[in-house]
Amino acid sequence: VRKVSATFGDGSATQYDITHNLNTNDVHVAVFRTSGAFDEILCDVSRPTVNAVRLNFAVAPTSNQFRAVVVG
């Protein structure tokens, strides 16, 4: 099992591509807050390529509000 993680959010974008370079669409993605309760949140996840996942939000995350972990 391989893992890649990234912190993201800039206050304006509602879509983020997280590059994982695992060369597969068979990945699990978890997104959680980087402060407070560190609770996992739900967002739309797609897999546009075998090396990236795309996360979409209804409201733009604030600066470094979330962390994504991709496991594959």
N, C-alpha and C. Protein backbone atom coordinates (compact mmCIF):
# COMPACT_ATOMS: atom_id res chain seq x y z
N VAL A 1 0.84 -1.18 0.00
CA VAL A 1 0.00 0.00 0.00
C VAL A 1 0.88 1.24 0.00
N ARG A 2 0.54 2.18 -0.87
CA ARG A 2 1.28 3.43 -0.95
C ARG A 2 0.34 4.58 -0.59
N LYS A 3 0.90 5.67 -0.05
CA LYS A 3 0.11 6.79 0.42
C LYS A 3 0.74 8.11 0.00
N VAL A 4 -0.13 9.07 -0.36
CA VAL A 4 0.29 10.42 -0.69
C VAL A 4 -0.66 11.36 0.04
N SER A 5 -0.14 12.43 0.62
CA SER A 5 -1.01 13.40 1.29
C SER A 5 -0.62 14.82 0.88
N ALA A 6 -1.63 15.72 0.94
CA ALA A 6 -1.40 17.11 0.55
C ALA A 6 -2.38 18.01 1.29
N THR A 7 -1.90 19.14 1.76
CA THR A 7 -2.75 20.16 2.37
C THR A 7 -3.12 21.16 1.28
N PHE A 8 -4.37 21.61 1.29
CA PHE A 8 -4.81 22.51 0.24
C PHE A 8 -5.89 23.46 0.74
N GLY A 9 -6.19 24.44 -0.08
CA GLY A 9 -7.18 25.47 0.18
C GLY A 9 -6.54 26.83 -0.03
N ASP A 10 -7.26 27.73 -0.73
CA ASP A 10 -6.71 29.06 -0.97
C ASP A 10 -7.74 30.17 -0.81
N GLY A 11 -8.96 29.81 -0.44
CA GLY A 11 -10.00 30.81 -0.23
C GLY A 11 -10.76 31.22 -1.47
N SER A 12 -10.34 30.74 -2.66
CA SER A 12 -11.06 31.13 -3.88
C SER A 12 -11.42 29.95 -4.79
N ALA A 13 -10.56 28.97 -4.91
CA ALA A 13 -10.83 27.82 -5.79
C ALA A 13 -11.77 26.83 -5.13
N THR A 14 -12.62 26.21 -5.95
CA THR A 14 -13.52 25.17 -5.46
C THR A 14 -13.15 23.80 -6.01
N GLN A 15 -12.09 23.74 -6.82
CA GLN A 15 -11.63 22.47 -7.39
C GLN A 15 -10.13 22.36 -7.20
N TYR A 16 -9.70 21.18 -6.75
CA TYR A 16 -8.28 20.92 -6.51
C TYR A 16 -7.90 19.58 -7.10
N ASP A 17 -6.82 19.54 -7.84
CA ASP A 17 -6.26 18.29 -8.35
C ASP A 17 -5.10 17.91 -7.45
N ILE A 18 -5.17 16.71 -6.89
CA ILE A 18 -4.10 16.19 -6.05
C ILE A 18 -3.36 15.12 -6.86
N THR A 19 -2.11 15.37 -7.17
CA THR A 19 -1.30 14.42 -7.93
C THR A 19 -0.71 13.39 -6.97
N HIS A 20 -0.94 12.11 -7.29
CA HIS A 20 -0.44 11.04 -6.42
C HIS A 20 0.59 10.15 -7.11
N ASN A 21 0.62 10.12 -8.43
CA ASN A 21 1.58 9.33 -9.22
C ASN A 21 1.61 7.85 -8.83
N LEU A 22 0.46 7.29 -8.48
CA LEU A 22 0.38 5.87 -8.13
C LEU A 22 0.05 5.00 -9.34
N ASN A 23 -0.20 5.62 -10.49
CA ASN A 23 -0.45 4.94 -11.75
C ASN A 23 -1.64 3.98 -11.68
N THR A 24 -2.70 4.39 -10.98
CA THR A 24 -3.92 3.58 -10.90
C THR A 24 -5.10 4.45 -10.51
N ASN A 25 -6.28 4.06 -10.96
CA ASN A 25 -7.52 4.70 -10.52
C ASN A 25 -8.07 4.03 -9.27
N ASP A 26 -7.48 2.90 -8.88
CA ASP A 26 -7.93 2.15 -7.70
C ASP A 26 -7.32 2.75 -6.44
N VAL A 27 -7.83 3.91 -6.05
CA VAL A 27 -7.34 4.60 -4.87
C VAL A 27 -8.50 4.99 -3.97
N HIS A 28 -8.21 5.13 -2.70
CA HIS A 28 -9.18 5.62 -1.72
C HIS A 28 -8.72 7.01 -1.31
N VAL A 29 -9.68 7.95 -1.20
CA VAL A 29 -9.35 9.32 -0.85
C VAL A 29 -10.11 9.72 0.42
N ALA A 30 -9.41 10.27 1.38
CA ALA A 30 -10.02 10.81 2.59
C ALA A 30 -9.60 12.28 2.70
N VAL A 31 -10.56 13.13 3.05
CA VAL A 31 -10.29 14.56 3.21
C VAL A 31 -10.73 14.95 4.62
N PHE A 32 -9.84 15.64 5.34
CA PHE A 32 -10.18 16.04 6.69
C PHE A 32 -9.69 17.45 6.98
N ARG A 33 -10.28 18.07 8.00
CA ARG A 33 -9.90 19.43 8.41
C ARG A 33 -8.51 19.40 9.05
N THR A 34 -7.77 20.47 8.89
CA THR A 34 -6.42 20.55 9.45
C THR A 34 -6.39 21.20 10.82
N SER A 35 -7.55 21.54 11.37
CA SER A 35 -7.60 22.12 12.71
C SER A 35 -8.90 21.72 13.39
N GLY A 36 -8.99 22.03 14.67
CA GLY A 36 -10.21 21.72 15.42
C GLY A 36 -10.33 20.24 15.68
N ALA A 37 -11.43 19.66 15.27
CA ALA A 37 -11.71 18.24 15.53
C ALA A 37 -11.02 17.31 14.53
N PHE A 38 -10.40 17.86 13.48
CA PHE A 38 -9.76 17.06 12.43
C PHE A 38 -10.73 16.03 11.86
N ASP A 39 -12.01 16.43 11.76
CA ASP A 39 -13.03 15.52 11.26
C ASP A 39 -12.95 15.35 9.75
N GLU A 40 -13.35 14.18 9.29
CA GLU A 40 -13.36 13.90 7.86
C GLU A 40 -14.57 14.59 7.24
N ILE A 41 -14.36 15.16 6.06
CA ILE A 41 -15.45 15.87 5.38
C ILE A 41 -15.76 15.17 4.07
N LEU A 42 -16.95 15.44 3.54
CA LEU A 42 -17.37 14.87 2.27
C LEU A 42 -17.24 15.92 1.18
N CYS A 43 -16.73 15.51 0.04
CA CYS A 43 -16.66 16.36 -1.14
C CYS A 43 -16.78 15.45 -2.35
N ASP A 44 -16.98 16.04 -3.51
CA ASP A 44 -17.04 15.25 -4.74
C ASP A 44 -15.62 14.86 -5.13
N VAL A 45 -15.42 13.56 -5.37
CA VAL A 45 -14.11 13.03 -5.75
C VAL A 45 -14.23 12.37 -7.11
N SER A 46 -13.35 12.74 -8.02
CA SER A 46 -13.26 12.05 -9.30
C SER A 46 -11.81 11.68 -9.56
N ARG A 47 -11.61 10.82 -10.54
CA ARG A 47 -10.28 10.32 -10.89
C ARG A 47 -10.02 10.58 -12.37
N PRO A 48 -9.63 11.83 -12.72
CA PRO A 48 -9.47 12.19 -14.13
C PRO A 48 -8.32 11.48 -14.83
N THR A 49 -7.31 11.06 -14.08
CA THR A 49 -6.18 10.32 -14.65
C THR A 49 -5.76 9.24 -13.65
N VAL A 50 -4.87 8.37 -14.08
CA VAL A 50 -4.36 7.33 -13.18
C VAL A 50 -3.36 7.88 -12.17
N ASN A 51 -3.01 9.17 -12.30
CA ASN A 51 -2.03 9.78 -11.40
C ASN A 51 -2.55 10.97 -10.61
N ALA A 52 -3.87 11.20 -10.64
CA ALA A 52 -4.43 12.34 -9.92
C ALA A 52 -5.88 12.09 -9.54
N VAL A 53 -6.28 12.74 -8.45
CA VAL A 53 -7.70 12.79 -8.07
C VAL A 53 -8.13 14.25 -8.09
N ARG A 54 -9.41 14.48 -8.35
CA ARG A 54 -9.95 15.84 -8.38
C ARG A 54 -10.98 15.97 -7.28
N LEU A 55 -10.84 17.00 -6.45
CA LEU A 55 -11.74 17.26 -5.35
C LEU A 55 -12.52 18.53 -5.65
N ASN A 56 -13.86 18.46 -5.56
CA ASN A 56 -14.72 19.61 -5.83
C ASN A 56 -15.54 19.95 -4.60
N PHE A 57 -15.66 21.25 -4.35
CA PHE A 57 -16.37 21.76 -3.18
C PHE A 57 -17.41 22.78 -3.61
N ALA A 58 -18.51 22.87 -2.87
CA ALA A 58 -19.55 23.87 -3.14
C ALA A 58 -19.07 25.26 -2.72
N VAL A 59 -18.27 25.32 -1.67
CA VAL A 59 -17.72 26.58 -1.16
C VAL A 59 -16.20 26.44 -1.10
N ALA A 60 -15.50 27.48 -1.51
CA ALA A 60 -14.04 27.44 -1.55
C ALA A 60 -13.46 27.24 -0.15
N PRO A 61 -12.59 26.25 0.04
CA PRO A 61 -11.91 26.07 1.32
C PRO A 61 -10.98 27.25 1.62
N THR A 62 -10.87 27.60 2.89
CA THR A 62 -9.95 28.67 3.28
C THR A 62 -8.50 28.18 3.13
N SER A 63 -7.56 29.04 3.36
CA SER A 63 -6.15 28.72 3.19
C SER A 63 -5.74 27.51 4.03
N ASN A 64 -5.29 26.47 3.35
CA ASN A 64 -4.83 25.21 3.97
C ASN A 64 -5.84 24.62 4.96
N GLN A 65 -7.12 24.75 4.66
CA GLN A 65 -8.19 24.26 5.54
C GLN A 65 -8.27 22.74 5.60
N PHE A 66 -7.94 22.07 4.48
CA PHE A 66 -8.12 20.62 4.39
C PHE A 66 -6.83 19.90 4.03
N ARG A 67 -6.81 18.62 4.36
CA ARG A 67 -5.70 17.72 3.97
C ARG A 67 -6.32 16.50 3.32
N ALA A 68 -5.78 16.10 2.19
CA ALA A 68 -6.24 14.91 1.48
C ALA A 68 -5.19 13.81 1.62
N VAL A 69 -5.67 12.60 1.84
CA VAL A 69 -4.80 11.43 1.90
C VAL A 69 -5.29 10.47 0.83
N VAL A 70 -4.40 10.10 -0.08
CA VAL A 70 -4.72 9.17 -1.16
C VAL A 70 -3.96 7.88 -0.90
N VAL A 71 -4.68 6.77 -0.82
CA VAL A 71 -4.07 5.48 -0.57
C VAL A 71 -4.38 4.56 -1.74
N GLY A 72 -3.35 3.88 -2.24
CA GLY A 72 -3.57 2.99 -3.37
C GLY A 72 -2.53 1.93 -3.48
